[in-house]
Amino acid sequence: MAAANLITAGTGAANSADIVVAGTSVIVGLKSYDKGAMVDVQLKDDAGGYNAFHCLTGGDPTRTLTIPGTYRLSRLAASSSCGAYSG
């Protein structure tokens, strides 16, 4: 899978489009990030709400999504400058 931009680098709250994991794992990570970067990985529930699953940070900038489901990334309003990608 080619790398794809999910959240453009910047500050302030922002959400990615949905990321569907079904049969193939997906790597998500921070890009152009500062030490204080924080992006939540959220898992969509059966009612359409998003629930915290993991938090990407400057010290833990990548995660491999292996559990089937629909996810999105959400940059926190208090985050330092960063973006996010899948690859």
Protein backbone atom coordinates (compact mmCIF):
# COMPACT_ATOMS: atom_id res chain seq x y z
CA MET A 1 0.00 0.00 0.00
CA ALA A 2 1.34 3.41 -0.93
CA ALA A 3 1.55 6.05 1.78
CA ALA A 4 -1.49 8.32 1.95
CA ASN A 5 -2.06 11.64 3.72
CA LEU A 6 -4.76 11.35 6.40
CA ILE A 7 -4.36 14.66 8.26
CA THR A 8 -2.40 17.56 6.78
CA ALA A 9 0.38 18.83 9.06
CA GLY A 10 -0.74 21.69 11.24
CA THR A 11 -2.24 22.56 14.61
CA GLY A 12 -5.78 22.47 15.98
CA ALA A 13 -8.35 19.72 16.01
CA ALA A 14 -8.80 17.68 12.82
CA ASN A 15 -10.22 14.27 11.87
CA SER A 16 -9.24 11.94 9.07
CA ALA A 17 -11.64 10.12 6.79
CA ASP A 18 -12.60 6.60 7.87
CA ILE A 19 -9.95 3.89 7.56
CA VAL A 20 -11.40 0.41 6.98
CA VAL A 21 -9.31 -2.56 8.12
CA ALA A 22 -10.55 -5.85 6.71
CA GLY A 23 -8.12 -8.73 6.23
CA THR A 24 -4.99 -6.62 5.71
CA SER A 25 -3.23 -4.65 8.42
CA VAL A 26 -2.78 -0.89 8.03
CA ILE A 27 0.07 1.17 9.48
CA VAL A 28 -0.82 4.67 10.66
CA GLY A 29 1.62 7.25 11.95
CA LEU A 30 2.54 10.83 12.66
CA LYS A 31 4.44 12.98 10.17
CA SER A 32 6.13 16.36 10.51
CA TYR A 33 5.57 16.15 14.25
CA ASP A 34 6.86 17.94 17.32
CA LYS A 35 7.49 16.27 20.68
CA GLY A 36 4.05 17.32 22.01
CA ALA A 37 2.07 15.85 19.09
CA MET A 38 -1.03 13.82 19.98
CA VAL A 39 -3.38 12.05 17.57
CA ASP A 40 -6.04 9.63 18.80
CA VAL A 41 -6.72 6.43 16.88
CA GLN A 42 -10.46 5.92 17.26
CA LEU A 43 -12.56 2.82 16.56
CA LYS A 44 -16.10 3.27 15.22
CA ASP A 45 -18.81 1.43 17.16
CA ASP A 46 -22.07 -0.11 15.90
CA ALA A 47 -24.00 3.10 16.65
CA GLY A 48 -21.62 5.22 14.53
CA GLY A 49 -19.73 6.78 17.44
CA TYR A 50 -15.94 6.86 17.71
CA ASN A 51 -14.12 5.51 20.77
CA ALA A 52 -10.50 5.99 21.84
CA PHE A 53 -8.35 3.00 20.85
CA HIS A 54 -4.77 4.32 21.04
CA CYS A 55 -2.97 7.67 21.16
CA LEU A 56 -0.11 8.37 18.76
CA THR A 57 2.48 10.68 20.35
CA GLY A 58 5.93 12.03 19.62
CA GLY A 59 7.31 9.14 21.69
CA ASP A 60 5.04 6.48 20.10
CA PRO A 61 4.39 7.77 16.56
CA THR A 62 3.17 4.64 14.72
CA ARG A 63 0.63 1.87 15.17
CA THR A 64 -0.29 -1.18 13.10
CA LEU A 65 -4.05 -1.69 12.92
CA THR A 66 -4.78 -5.42 12.65
CA ILE A 67 -8.24 -5.78 14.21
CA PRO A 68 -11.00 -5.57 11.57
CA GLY A 69 -13.09 -2.44 11.92
CA THR A 70 -13.52 1.18 10.91
CA TYR A 71 -11.09 3.66 12.40
CA ARG A 72 -10.24 7.33 12.08
CA LEU A 73 -7.45 9.54 13.37
CA SER A 74 -8.24 12.64 15.39
CA ARG A 75 -5.64 15.34 16.09
CA LEU A 76 -6.30 16.78 19.53
CA ALA A 77 -6.84 20.54 19.86
CA ALA A 78 -4.01 20.72 22.44
CA SER A 79 -1.56 18.90 20.16
CA SER A 80 1.67 20.40 18.91
CA SER A 81 2.03 20.64 15.15
CA CYS A 82 1.75 17.31 13.30
CA GLY A 83 0.08 15.45 10.48
CA ALA A 84 -0.82 11.80 10.00
CA TYR A 85 -0.50 9.20 7.24
CA SER A 86 -1.26 5.59 6.45
CA GLY A 87 1.15 3.34 4.63
